[in-house]
N, C-alpha and C. Protein backbone atom coordinates (compact mmCIF):
# COMPACT_ATOMS: atom_id res chain seq x y z
N MET A 1 0.84 -1.18 0.00
CA MET A 1 0.00 0.00 0.00
C MET A 1 0.89 1.25 0.00
N LYS A 2 0.39 2.30 -0.58
CA LYS A 2 1.19 3.52 -0.63
C LYS A 2 1.24 4.16 0.75
N LYS A 3 2.35 4.87 0.99
CA LYS A 3 2.57 5.47 2.31
C LYS A 3 1.49 6.48 2.67
N TRP A 4 1.06 7.31 1.71
CA TRP A 4 0.06 8.33 2.04
C TRP A 4 -1.28 7.69 2.36
N LEU A 5 -1.58 6.54 1.74
CA LEU A 5 -2.83 5.85 2.02
C LEU A 5 -2.82 5.23 3.42
N GLU A 6 -1.67 4.69 3.82
CA GLU A 6 -1.53 4.16 5.18
C GLU A 6 -1.68 5.27 6.20
N THR A 7 -1.07 6.42 5.92
CA THR A 7 -1.17 7.57 6.83
C THR A 7 -2.61 8.05 6.94
N LEU A 8 -3.29 8.13 5.82
CA LEU A 8 -4.69 8.54 5.82
C LEU A 8 -5.56 7.55 6.60
N ALA A 9 -5.28 6.26 6.45
CA ALA A 9 -6.04 5.25 7.17
C ALA A 9 -5.81 5.36 8.68
N LEU A 10 -4.57 5.61 9.10
CA LEU A 10 -4.29 5.77 10.53
C LEU A 10 -4.94 7.01 11.10
N ILE A 11 -4.91 8.12 10.36
CA ILE A 11 -5.55 9.35 10.83
C ILE A 11 -7.06 9.14 10.96
N THR A 12 -7.66 8.47 9.99
CA THR A 12 -9.09 8.18 10.05
C THR A 12 -9.42 7.29 11.24
N LEU A 13 -8.58 6.28 11.49
CA LEU A 13 -8.78 5.40 12.63
C LEU A 13 -8.73 6.17 13.94
N VAL A 14 -7.77 7.08 14.07
CA VAL A 14 -7.64 7.87 15.29
C VAL A 14 -8.86 8.75 15.49
N ILE A 15 -9.33 9.39 14.44
CA ILE A 15 -10.50 10.27 14.56
C ILE A 15 -11.74 9.47 14.97
N ILE A 16 -11.95 8.33 14.33
CA ILE A 16 -13.13 7.51 14.65
C ILE A 16 -13.06 6.99 16.08
N LEU A 17 -11.88 6.50 16.49
CA LEU A 17 -11.74 6.00 17.86
C LEU A 17 -11.95 7.11 18.88
N ARG A 18 -11.42 8.29 18.59
CA ARG A 18 -11.57 9.42 19.51
C ARG A 18 -13.04 9.81 19.66
N LEU A 19 -13.76 9.87 18.55
CA LEU A 19 -15.18 10.21 18.62
C LEU A 19 -15.97 9.15 19.38
N LEU A 20 -15.66 7.88 19.15
CA LEU A 20 -16.36 6.81 19.87
C LEU A 20 -16.08 6.85 21.37
N VAL A 21 -14.83 7.07 21.74
CA VAL A 21 -14.48 7.14 23.17
C VAL A 21 -15.15 8.34 23.81
N ASN A 22 -15.15 9.49 23.14
CA ASN A 22 -15.82 10.67 23.69
C ASN A 22 -17.32 10.45 23.82
N PHE A 23 -17.92 9.72 22.90
CA PHE A 23 -19.36 9.48 22.94
C PHE A 23 -19.75 8.50 24.05
N PHE A 24 -19.02 7.39 24.16
CA PHE A 24 -19.39 6.36 25.11
C PHE A 24 -18.86 6.59 26.52
N PHE A 25 -17.79 7.36 26.67
CA PHE A 25 -17.19 7.60 28.00
C PHE A 25 -16.98 9.09 28.24
N PRO A 26 -18.05 9.90 28.29
CA PRO A 26 -17.86 11.34 28.47
C PRO A 26 -17.44 11.73 29.89
N GLU A 27 -17.68 10.86 30.88
CA GLU A 27 -17.38 11.21 32.27
C GLU A 27 -15.92 10.97 32.65
N ILE A 28 -15.18 10.25 31.83
CA ILE A 28 -13.76 9.97 32.10
C ILE A 28 -12.95 11.24 31.83
N PRO A 29 -11.97 11.57 32.70
CA PRO A 29 -11.12 12.75 32.45
C PRO A 29 -10.34 12.63 31.14
N TYR A 30 -9.75 13.76 30.72
CA TYR A 30 -9.08 13.83 29.42
C TYR A 30 -8.00 12.76 29.27
N TRP A 31 -7.10 12.64 30.25
CA TRP A 31 -5.99 11.69 30.10
C TRP A 31 -6.49 10.25 30.05
N GLY A 32 -7.57 9.96 30.75
CA GLY A 32 -8.14 8.62 30.68
C GLY A 32 -8.69 8.31 29.29
N ARG A 33 -9.37 9.29 28.70
CA ARG A 33 -9.90 9.10 27.34
C ARG A 33 -8.76 8.97 26.34
N PHE A 34 -7.69 9.76 26.55
CA PHE A 34 -6.53 9.68 25.66
C PHE A 34 -5.89 8.29 25.72
N LEU A 35 -5.67 7.79 26.93
CA LEU A 35 -5.07 6.46 27.08
C LEU A 35 -5.98 5.37 26.53
N LEU A 36 -7.28 5.51 26.74
CA LEU A 36 -8.23 4.53 26.19
C LEU A 36 -8.19 4.53 24.66
N THR A 37 -8.08 5.72 24.07
CA THR A 37 -7.98 5.82 22.61
C THR A 37 -6.70 5.15 22.10
N VAL A 38 -5.59 5.39 22.79
CA VAL A 38 -4.31 4.79 22.38
C VAL A 38 -4.38 3.26 22.50
N ILE A 39 -4.91 2.77 23.60
CA ILE A 39 -5.00 1.32 23.80
C ILE A 39 -5.89 0.68 22.74
N LEU A 40 -7.05 1.29 22.48
CA LEU A 40 -7.95 0.75 21.45
C LEU A 40 -7.29 0.78 20.07
N GLY A 41 -6.57 1.85 19.77
CA GLY A 41 -5.89 1.95 18.48
C GLY A 41 -4.85 0.86 18.30
N VAL A 42 -4.07 0.61 19.34
CA VAL A 42 -3.05 -0.44 19.27
C VAL A 42 -3.72 -1.80 19.09
N LEU A 43 -4.81 -2.04 19.82
CA LEU A 43 -5.51 -3.32 19.69
C LEU A 43 -6.08 -3.52 18.29
N VAL A 44 -6.63 -2.46 17.71
CA VAL A 44 -7.18 -2.57 16.35
C VAL A 44 -6.07 -2.85 15.35
N ILE A 45 -4.95 -2.15 15.45
CA ILE A 45 -3.84 -2.34 14.51
C ILE A 45 -3.26 -3.75 14.64
N VAL A 46 -3.09 -4.23 15.87
CA VAL A 46 -2.55 -5.58 16.07
C VAL A 46 -3.52 -6.64 15.56
N SER A 47 -4.81 -6.45 15.81
CA SER A 47 -5.78 -7.44 15.33
C SER A 47 -5.85 -7.45 13.80
N LEU A 48 -5.76 -6.28 13.17
CA LEU A 48 -5.74 -6.24 11.70
C LEU A 48 -4.49 -6.92 11.15
N TYR A 49 -3.36 -6.76 11.84
CA TYR A 49 -2.12 -7.40 11.41
C TYR A 49 -2.26 -8.93 11.44
N PHE A 50 -2.81 -9.45 12.54
CA PHE A 50 -2.95 -10.90 12.65
C PHE A 50 -4.01 -11.44 11.70
N MET A 51 -5.08 -10.68 11.46
CA MET A 51 -6.08 -11.11 10.48
C MET A 51 -5.47 -11.17 9.09
N ASN A 52 -4.62 -10.22 8.75
CA ASN A 52 -3.97 -10.19 7.45
C ASN A 52 -3.02 -11.39 7.30
N ARG A 53 -2.34 -11.76 8.38
CA ARG A 53 -1.45 -12.92 8.32
C ARG A 53 -2.24 -14.21 8.11
N LYS A 54 -3.41 -14.34 8.74
CA LYS A 54 -4.22 -15.55 8.58
C LYS A 54 -4.77 -15.65 7.17
N ILE A 55 -5.13 -14.52 6.58
CA ILE A 55 -5.69 -14.53 5.22
C ILE A 55 -4.64 -14.95 4.20
N ARG A 56 -3.39 -14.57 4.40
CA ARG A 56 -2.33 -14.90 3.44
C ARG A 56 -2.00 -16.38 3.41
N ARG A 57 -2.27 -17.10 4.49
CA ARG A 57 -1.93 -18.53 4.54
C ARG A 57 -2.81 -19.35 3.68
């Protein structure tokens, strides 16, 4: 995949995750929402990586 497309996909992922975290957890302080967004982002990227590996086999 082209580098700019990967960058665009990551930026879109961050925006969507941030909006979802803000919507579902509005009572959590800022740093908690930030950490939750980072953790969810890492989990999504890792799960996509492993799904891609299984598909190639």
